[in-house]
Protein backbone atom coordinates (compact mmCIF):
# COMPACT_ATOMS: atom_id res chain seq x y z
CA MET A 1 -0.10 0.10 -0.25
CA ASP A 2 2.94 2.45 0.85
CA ILE A 3 4.63 1.88 -2.52
CA LEU A 4 0.97 2.99 -4.45
CA LEU A 5 0.67 6.26 -2.31
CA TYR A 6 4.31 7.17 -3.03
CA ALA A 7 3.66 6.24 -6.69
CA LEU A 8 0.31 8.45 -6.44
CA SER A 9 2.65 11.17 -4.83
CA ALA A 10 5.56 11.17 -7.49
CA LEU A 11 2.85 11.31 -10.26
CA LEU A 12 0.77 14.29 -8.33
CA VAL A 13 4.24 16.07 -8.26
CA LEU A 14 5.02 15.63 -11.79
CA ALA A 15 1.82 16.73 -13.06
CA GLY A 16 2.20 19.80 -10.63
CA LEU A 17 5.87 20.30 -12.49
CA ALA A 18 4.31 20.19 -15.56
CA GLY A 19 1.31 22.29 -14.34
CA THR A 20 4.08 25.17 -14.06
CA ILE A 21 4.22 25.48 -17.41
CA PHE A 22 1.49 24.27 -19.07
CA PRO A 23 -1.14 26.53 -17.84
CA ALA A 24 -4.13 24.60 -18.48
CA LEU A 25 -2.93 22.06 -15.04
CA PRO A 26 -2.64 23.48 -11.50
CA GLY A 27 0.62 22.69 -10.63
CA LEU A 28 1.76 24.10 -7.50
CA PRO A 29 -1.43 23.22 -6.20
CA LEU A 30 -0.52 19.40 -7.16
CA MET A 31 2.43 19.61 -6.37
CA LEU A 32 1.37 20.54 -2.67
CA GLY A 33 -1.14 17.81 -3.16
CA GLY A 34 1.70 15.29 -3.96
CA PHE A 35 3.94 16.38 -0.75
CA ALA A 36 1.22 16.27 1.45
CA LEU A 37 0.18 12.70 0.34
CA ALA A 38 4.28 11.45 0.57
CA GLY A 39 3.94 12.64 4.17
CA TRP A 40 1.03 11.00 5.06
CA ALA A 41 2.24 7.40 3.63
CA GLU A 42 5.53 7.95 5.94
CA GLY A 43 3.51 9.05 9.04
CA PHE A 44 4.71 12.43 8.52
CA GLN A 45 7.85 11.80 10.25
CA HIS A 46 10.30 13.60 7.95
CA VAL A 47 7.22 16.24 6.44
CA GLY A 48 5.53 17.55 9.34
CA ALA A 49 3.27 20.75 10.22
CA VAL A 50 5.95 22.94 9.69
CA THR A 51 7.22 21.58 5.88
CA LEU A 52 3.78 21.44 4.80
CA SER A 53 3.28 24.84 6.02
CA LEU A 54 5.86 26.37 4.22
CA LEU A 55 4.85 24.28 1.07
CA ALA A 56 1.69 25.56 1.69
CA LEU A 57 3.02 29.26 1.99
CA LEU A 58 5.20 28.86 -1.34
CA THR A 59 2.03 27.67 -3.39
CA ALA A 60 0.31 30.49 -2.27
CA ILE A 61 3.01 33.17 -3.20
CA GLY A 62 3.24 31.54 -6.47
CA LEU A 63 -0.55 31.53 -7.59
CA ALA A 64 -0.58 35.10 -6.04
CA VAL A 65 2.55 36.39 -8.02
CA ASP A 66 1.35 34.19 -11.19
CA PHE A 67 -1.95 35.94 -11.28
CA VAL A 68 -0.68 39.20 -10.21
CA ALA A 69 1.67 39.67 -12.51
CA GLY A 70 -0.26 39.47 -16.14
CA LEU A 71 -2.96 41.87 -14.41
CA LEU A 72 0.75 44.55 -14.05
CA GLY A 73 2.18 44.09 -17.26
CA ALA A 74 -1.41 44.82 -18.65
CA LYS A 75 -1.93 47.49 -16.11
CA ALA A 76 2.04 48.65 -17.31
CA THR A 77 0.74 49.64 -20.60
CA GLY A 78 -2.02 51.57 -19.63
CA ALA A 79 -4.20 48.92 -20.62
CA SER A 80 -8.22 49.89 -19.81
CA ARG A 81 -10.94 48.05 -18.41
CA GLN A 82 -11.68 46.11 -21.13
CA ALA A 83 -8.63 44.73 -21.85
CA LEU A 84 -8.51 43.39 -18.65
CA TRP A 85 -11.83 41.69 -18.85
CA GLY A 86 -10.25 40.75 -22.56
CA ALA A 87 -7.22 38.85 -21.18
CA PHE A 88 -9.78 36.93 -18.48
CA LEU A 89 -12.38 36.14 -21.21
CA GLY A 90 -9.06 34.94 -23.61
CA SER A 91 -7.95 33.42 -20.82
CA LEU A 92 -10.86 31.00 -20.37
CA VAL A 93 -11.77 31.00 -24.41
CA GLY A 94 -8.24 29.63 -24.61
CA LEU A 95 -8.50 26.76 -22.62
CA PHE A 96 -9.96 24.98 -25.16
CA PHE A 97 -7.29 25.64 -27.32
CA ALA A 98 -4.70 23.65 -25.80
CA LEU A 99 -1.30 25.27 -25.16
CA PRO A 100 -1.48 27.49 -28.07
CA GLY A 101 -4.87 28.70 -26.88
CA VAL A 102 -4.05 29.16 -22.90
CA ILE A 103 -0.73 30.94 -24.06
CA LEU A 104 -2.76 33.35 -27.13
CA GLY A 105 -5.85 33.61 -25.25
CA PRO A 106 -5.10 36.61 -22.54
CA LEU A 107 -2.61 38.09 -25.47
CA ILE A 108 -5.50 38.52 -28.10
CA GLY A 109 -8.41 39.08 -25.55
CA ALA A 110 -6.11 42.15 -23.69
CA ALA A 111 -5.53 43.43 -27.60
CA ILE A 112 -9.24 42.91 -28.34
CA GLY A 113 -10.81 44.71 -25.04
CA GLU A 114 -8.04 47.31 -25.72
CA PHE A 115 -9.12 48.04 -29.38
CA LEU A 116 -13.03 47.96 -28.28
CA ALA A 117 -12.14 50.74 -25.55
CA ARG A 118 -9.98 53.12 -27.64
CA ARG A 119 -10.01 51.57 -31.13
CA ASP A 120 -6.07 52.44 -31.40
CA VAL A 121 -4.54 48.98 -33.17
CA TYR A 122 -0.84 50.22 -31.54
CA GLN A 123 -2.17 50.56 -27.95
CA ALA A 124 -4.23 47.14 -28.27
CA GLY A 125 -0.86 45.62 -29.48
CA LYS A 126 0.85 47.30 -26.73
CA VAL A 127 -1.34 45.90 -24.23
CA GLY A 128 -1.40 42.45 -25.41
CA LEU A 129 2.18 42.65 -25.33
CA GLY A 130 2.71 43.52 -21.97
CA THR A 131 -0.14 41.12 -21.37
CA PHE A 132 1.88 38.16 -22.78
CA LEU A 133 5.19 39.49 -20.41
CA GLY A 134 3.11 39.10 -17.42
CA PHE A 135 2.43 36.01 -18.33
CA VAL A 136 5.92 35.15 -18.92
CA VAL A 137 7.02 36.36 -15.89
CA GLY A 138 4.29 34.57 -13.90
CA THR A 139 5.36 31.25 -15.24
CA VAL A 140 9.03 32.37 -13.99
CA ALA A 141 7.39 32.89 -10.80
CA LYS A 142 5.77 29.20 -10.63
CA ILE A 143 8.77 27.44 -11.54
CA GLY A 144 10.92 29.33 -8.68
CA CYS A 145 8.17 28.53 -6.27
CA ALA A 146 8.27 24.84 -7.55
CA CYS A 147 11.90 24.80 -7.46
CA ALA A 148 11.71 26.01 -4.02
CA MET A 149 9.32 23.50 -3.14
CA LEU A 150 11.24 20.12 -4.07
CA ALA A 151 14.33 21.60 -2.50
CA THR A 152 12.19 22.36 0.81
CA PHE A 153 10.49 18.59 0.61
CA ALA A 154 13.83 17.26 -0.15
CA LEU A 155 15.52 18.99 2.85
CA ALA A 156 13.00 17.75 4.98
CA PHE A 157 13.43 14.18 4.17
CA VAL A 158 17.62 14.77 4.73
CA LEU A 159 17.22 16.42 7.59
């Protein structure tokens, strides 16, 4: 039974690692779930409350930075409210078009929203690009948090 729990834990962590790059998967929460399952499988002897709390904090930080980075990327380029809504709706629609849709959906949505608000193609492109750069920054932050989570979990077992 323990082997099955560890295998499921490893699958959750691997799916979570994939989710840090592929936005359609909730990467950091999957990793947290995998680490918690591994801790439970070993009776919380190495991975206890302190480690799990730190992992949960890293998950929350990664999710918050990912969310805020996209908004700040759009806002830094002077995005209108319609552009922000466009980025949100583009994210939702993009989920139906696999990885290219997930990456390009917010960019296209923000550009369309900005164009509808101001009728300025240059500004719409600028906002779309800012939204995309925010997405890249958020993804890098998620990858950093995922690496920190892996290191924290590994240290909990070593120490």
